[in-house]
Amino acid sequence: MKLSKILLLAIISTFIHLISFGQNNKDDTIKIVVGEMARNDVYERSYSIGYFGSYSKQLELFEKLKSIATEEQLLKLAEESKSAIVRLYAFQALKEKKTKIPESIARKFTNDNTEVTVLWGCFGDKKTVKALAFKTIIKQQNELLPSQASIEY
């Protein structure tokens, strides 16, 4: 009887370790993806970039982030990341997942005049985070947050 309890505890302990290892591995992957996005420091809007149509590494990273990050992790990145690029991609992932954006985060994006480099196809430009978040992402989906309806860009 005592041996079966020890065996059961060992199995449970191993199972818990495997579950936490999987989560830690996922968290590490998110950190790597976010770090690389921030280092690239460009907001790419199409899968083919530049005159030669190079594949967009940023959108590949974005798709990876969107697939592995939870809504809570994306909300935290959208609100707290030091990288404007990471904040934008986290915000975009939330919108694509149809997550309700908290008013505090919406307000931050409304007031964020940080300029970022934007690439789409073979074109590039500088845009503010505010303009990209509300003019591009939300209007693209024909959505406006109620308190954002009268914002001018």
Protein backbone atom coordinates (compact mmCIF):
# COMPACT_ATOMS: atom_id res chain seq x y z
CA MET A 1 0.00 0.00 0.00
CA LYS A 2 2.79 2.41 0.93
CA LEU A 3 4.63 1.63 -2.32
CA SER A 4 1.52 2.38 -4.41
CA LYS A 5 1.16 5.80 -2.70
CA ILE A 6 4.80 6.60 -3.44
CA LEU A 7 4.36 5.47 -7.03
CA LEU A 8 1.20 7.56 -7.40
CA LEU A 9 2.96 10.64 -5.97
CA ALA A 10 5.88 10.09 -8.35
CA ILE A 11 3.52 9.88 -11.33
CA ILE A 12 1.64 13.02 -10.27
CA SER A 13 4.89 14.87 -9.67
CA THR A 14 6.21 13.88 -13.10
CA PHE A 15 2.95 14.92 -14.76
CA ILE A 16 3.01 18.34 -13.05
CA HIS A 17 6.66 18.80 -14.05
CA LEU A 18 5.87 17.98 -17.68
CA ILE A 19 2.94 20.40 -17.74
CA SER A 20 5.00 23.22 -16.22
CA PHE A 21 7.91 22.44 -18.56
CA GLY A 22 5.56 22.83 -21.52
CA GLN A 23 4.34 26.19 -20.23
CA ASN A 24 7.88 27.39 -19.50
CA ASN A 25 8.92 26.32 -22.98
CA LYS A 26 5.98 28.26 -24.45
CA ASP A 27 6.84 31.34 -22.38
CA ASP A 28 10.46 31.09 -23.55
CA THR A 29 9.30 30.88 -27.17
CA ILE A 30 7.15 33.99 -26.70
CA LYS A 31 10.15 35.85 -25.25
CA ILE A 32 12.28 34.83 -28.23
CA VAL A 33 9.60 35.86 -30.75
CA VAL A 34 8.99 39.19 -29.03
CA GLY A 35 12.72 39.87 -28.75
CA GLU A 36 13.26 39.23 -32.44
CA MET A 37 10.26 41.40 -33.40
CA ALA A 38 11.66 44.25 -31.31
CA ARG A 39 15.16 43.87 -32.81
CA ASN A 40 13.76 43.95 -36.36
CA ASP A 41 12.00 47.21 -35.40
CA VAL A 42 9.72 47.44 -38.43
CA TYR A 43 5.97 46.96 -38.83
CA GLU A 44 5.44 44.88 -41.96
CA ARG A 45 1.96 44.66 -43.44
CA SER A 46 2.44 42.24 -46.32
CA TYR A 47 4.11 38.86 -46.68
CA SER A 48 6.25 40.04 -49.62
CA ILE A 49 8.53 42.93 -48.77
CA GLY A 50 10.85 45.02 -50.92
CA TYR A 51 11.53 45.19 -54.63
CA PHE A 52 12.45 41.52 -54.77
CA GLY A 53 9.46 40.34 -52.77
CA SER A 54 11.43 38.95 -49.84
CA TYR A 55 9.36 36.96 -47.36
CA SER A 56 8.32 38.98 -44.30
CA LYS A 57 10.05 37.63 -41.22
CA GLN A 58 8.00 40.00 -39.04
CA LEU A 59 4.68 38.57 -40.21
CA GLU A 60 6.01 35.07 -39.68
CA LEU A 61 6.90 36.07 -36.12
CA PHE A 62 3.49 37.73 -35.74
CA GLU A 63 1.70 34.53 -36.80
CA LYS A 64 3.80 32.55 -34.32
CA LEU A 65 3.04 35.00 -31.51
CA LYS A 66 -0.67 34.97 -32.33
CA SER A 67 -0.77 31.17 -32.28
CA ILE A 68 1.08 30.60 -28.99
CA ALA A 69 0.29 33.61 -26.79
CA THR A 70 -2.79 33.68 -24.60
CA GLU A 71 -5.12 36.68 -24.61
CA GLU A 72 -3.69 37.69 -21.24
CA GLN A 73 -0.14 37.59 -22.60
CA LEU A 74 -1.14 39.59 -25.67
CA LEU A 75 -2.95 42.17 -23.53
CA LYS A 76 0.15 42.53 -21.37
CA LEU A 77 2.39 42.93 -24.42
CA ALA A 78 0.03 45.47 -26.00
CA GLU A 79 0.00 47.52 -22.84
CA GLU A 80 3.50 47.13 -21.40
CA SER A 81 6.04 46.27 -24.09
CA LYS A 82 8.80 48.84 -24.53
CA SER A 83 8.78 48.11 -28.26
CA ALA A 84 6.15 49.97 -30.27
CA ILE A 85 6.38 47.21 -32.89
CA VAL A 86 5.58 44.51 -30.34
CA ARG A 87 2.69 46.58 -28.95
CA LEU A 88 1.25 46.95 -32.45
CA TYR A 89 1.53 43.28 -33.34
CA ALA A 90 0.07 42.25 -29.97
CA PHE A 91 -2.80 44.68 -30.55
CA GLN A 92 -3.32 43.31 -34.05
CA ALA A 93 -3.36 39.73 -32.72
CA LEU A 94 -5.99 40.70 -30.15
CA LYS A 95 -8.14 42.31 -32.83
CA GLU A 96 -7.82 39.29 -35.12
CA LYS A 97 -8.81 37.05 -32.22
CA LYS A 98 -11.79 39.38 -31.69
CA THR A 99 -10.72 40.11 -28.12
CA LYS A 100 -12.41 43.03 -26.41
CA ILE A 101 -9.76 45.70 -25.92
CA PRO A 102 -9.87 47.21 -22.42
CA GLU A 103 -10.42 50.96 -22.34
CA SER A 104 -7.04 51.52 -20.62
CA ILE A 105 -5.19 49.91 -23.53
CA ALA A 106 -7.34 51.68 -26.13
CA ARG A 107 -6.52 54.99 -24.44
CA LYS A 108 -2.78 54.23 -24.55
CA PHE A 109 -2.95 53.54 -28.27
CA THR A 110 -5.04 56.66 -28.82
CA ASN A 111 -2.31 58.79 -27.26
CA ASP A 112 0.74 56.95 -28.65
CA ASN A 113 2.52 59.20 -31.13
CA THR A 114 5.59 56.97 -31.40
CA GLU A 115 6.69 56.80 -35.03
CA VAL A 116 7.51 53.42 -36.53
CA THR A 117 8.74 52.31 -39.92
CA VAL A 118 6.03 50.55 -41.90
CA LEU A 119 6.65 48.34 -44.92
CA TRP A 120 4.05 46.92 -47.29
CA GLY A 121 5.06 45.47 -50.61
CA CYS A 122 7.87 47.61 -51.96
CA PHE A 123 6.66 50.74 -50.15
CA GLY A 124 7.77 52.12 -46.83
CA ASP A 125 6.78 55.02 -44.64
CA LYS A 126 6.77 56.31 -41.08
CA LYS A 127 3.47 56.21 -39.20
CA THR A 128 2.45 56.77 -35.61
CA VAL A 129 1.31 53.89 -33.46
CA LYS A 130 -1.98 55.75 -32.98
CA ALA A 131 -2.61 55.98 -36.71
CA LEU A 132 -1.71 52.35 -37.35
CA ALA A 133 -3.73 50.96 -34.47
CA PHE A 134 -6.91 52.89 -35.04
CA LYS A 135 -6.88 53.94 -38.66
CA THR A 136 -5.45 50.80 -40.20
CA ILE A 137 -6.27 47.85 -37.98
CA ILE A 138 -9.67 48.85 -36.63
CA LYS A 139 -11.06 50.61 -39.69
CA GLN A 140 -9.88 47.69 -41.82
CA GLN A 141 -12.26 45.52 -39.85
CA ASN A 142 -15.00 48.19 -39.92
CA GLU A 143 -14.86 48.51 -36.17
CA LEU A 144 -14.34 51.51 -33.95
CA LEU A 145 -14.31 51.53 -30.22
CA PRO A 146 -17.24 53.71 -29.09
CA SER A 147 -14.99 56.27 -27.44
CA GLN A 148 -12.70 56.44 -30.50
CA ALA A 149 -15.32 57.33 -33.11
CA SER A 150 -14.36 61.00 -33.26
CA ILE A 151 -10.56 60.72 -33.20
CA GLU A 152 -8.81 62.63 -35.96
CA TYR A 153 -5.60 61.35 -37.52
